[in-house]
Amino acid sequence: MGLRTGGQEPVAEVETCGPKNGLLYEIARARPVRPMTLAKEYALDEATAVRQTCGT
């Protein structure tokens, strides 16, 4: 949906069989995702390239 929590507290928690539970947030209080800056995009591209490079 292109939203982020915006600092709000979860309104509910969904229990799962695994070690992590899902947190549910109120959509009406959510904020739009911030656009990625060029610096962040460059850093992400660099990190992805390092992960895909074979170390041997």
C-alpha atoms as a PDB file:
ATOM      1  CA  MET A   1       0.000   0.000   0.000  1.00  0.00           C
ATOM      2  CA  GLY A   2       3.033   2.262   0.116  1.00  0.00           C
ATOM      3  CA  LEU A   3       2.591   3.197   3.774  1.00  0.00           C
ATOM      4  CA  ARG A   4       4.804   3.252   6.865  1.00  0.00           C
ATOM      5  CA  THR A   5       3.862   3.162  10.546  1.00  0.00           C
ATOM      6  CA  GLY A   6       4.730   6.804  11.152  1.00  0.00           C
ATOM      7  CA  GLY A   7       5.776   6.198  14.748  1.00  0.00           C
ATOM      8  CA  GLN A   8       2.456   4.842  15.966  1.00  0.00           C
ATOM      9  CA  GLU A   9       2.175   1.948  18.378  1.00  0.00           C
ATOM     10  CA  PRO A  10       0.741  -1.370  17.108  1.00  0.00           C
ATOM     11  CA  VAL A  11      -2.975  -1.878  17.812  1.00  0.00           C
ATOM     12  CA  ALA A  12      -2.785  -5.694  17.782  1.00  0.00           C
ATOM     13  CA  GLU A  13      -0.354  -8.587  17.520  1.00  0.00           C
ATOM     14  CA  VAL A  14      -0.911 -11.754  15.503  1.00  0.00           C
ATOM     15  CA  GLU A  15       0.590 -14.854  17.096  1.00  0.00           C
ATOM     16  CA  THR A  16       2.388 -17.282  14.793  1.00  0.00           C
ATOM     17  CA  CYS A  17       3.903 -20.718  15.235  1.00  0.00           C
ATOM     18  CA  GLY A  18       7.395 -19.318  14.676  1.00  0.00           C
ATOM     19  CA  PRO A  19       9.529 -17.035  16.827  1.00  0.00           C
ATOM     20  CA  LYS A  20       8.208 -13.800  15.287  1.00  0.00           C
ATOM     21  CA  ASN A  21       4.713 -12.363  15.648  1.00  0.00           C
ATOM     22  CA  GLY A  22       3.020  -9.976  13.242  1.00  0.00           C
ATOM     23  CA  LEU A  23       2.210  -6.456  14.366  1.00  0.00           C
ATOM     24  CA  LEU A  24      -0.914  -4.721  13.079  1.00  0.00           C
ATOM     25  CA  TYR A  25      -1.156  -0.951  12.698  1.00  0.00           C
ATOM     26  CA  GLU A  26      -4.052   1.406  12.043  1.00  0.00           C
ATOM     27  CA  ILE A  27      -4.149   2.292   8.343  1.00  0.00           C
ATOM     28  CA  ALA A  28      -5.854   5.643   8.961  1.00  0.00           C
ATOM     29  CA  ARG A  29      -2.853   6.850  11.028  1.00  0.00           C
ATOM     30  CA  ALA A  30      -0.195   5.511   8.620  1.00  0.00           C
ATOM     31  CA  ARG A  31       1.920   7.861   6.545  1.00  0.00           C
ATOM     32  CA  PRO A  32       3.226   7.522   2.972  1.00  0.00           C
ATOM     33  CA  VAL A  33       6.622   5.907   2.459  1.00  0.00           C
ATOM     34  CA  ARG A  34       9.371   8.473   2.071  1.00  0.00           C
ATOM     35  CA  PRO A  35      10.889   8.608  -1.424  1.00  0.00           C
ATOM     36  CA  MET A  36      14.389   7.153  -1.725  1.00  0.00           C
ATOM     37  CA  THR A  37      17.140   9.738  -2.102  1.00  0.00           C
ATOM     38  CA  LEU A  38      19.914   9.363  -4.658  1.00  0.00           C
ATOM     39  CA  ALA A  39      22.451   8.768  -1.861  1.00  0.00           C
ATOM     40  CA  LYS A  40      20.374   5.938  -0.386  1.00  0.00           C
ATOM     41  CA  GLU A  41      19.829   4.400  -3.823  1.00  0.00           C
ATOM     42  CA  TYR A  42      23.568   4.523  -4.517  1.00  0.00           C
ATOM     43  CA  ALA A  43      24.380   2.917  -1.141  1.00  0.00           C
ATOM     44  CA  LEU A  44      21.808   0.182  -1.752  1.00  0.00           C
ATOM     45  CA  ASP A  45      23.247  -0.510  -5.214  1.00  0.00           C
ATOM     46  CA  GLU A  46      26.749  -0.755  -3.738  1.00  0.00           C
ATOM     47  CA  ALA A  47      25.626  -3.122  -0.975  1.00  0.00           C
ATOM     48  CA  THR A  48      23.776  -5.319  -3.464  1.00  0.00           C
ATOM     49  CA  ALA A  49      26.835  -5.485  -5.720  1.00  0.00           C
ATOM     50  CA  VAL A  50      29.041  -6.523  -2.785  1.00  0.00           C
ATOM     51  CA  ARG A  51      26.602  -9.276  -1.784  1.00  0.00           C
ATOM     52  CA  GLN A  52      26.551 -10.633  -5.346  1.00  0.00           C
ATOM     53  CA  THR A  53      30.343 -10.683  -5.706  1.00  0.00           C
ATOM     54  CA  CYS A  54      32.022 -13.990  -4.937  1.00  0.00           C
ATOM     55  CA  GLY A  55      34.602 -13.648  -2.176  1.00  0.00           C
ATOM     56  CA  THR A  56      36.834 -16.407  -3.532  1.00  0.00           C
END
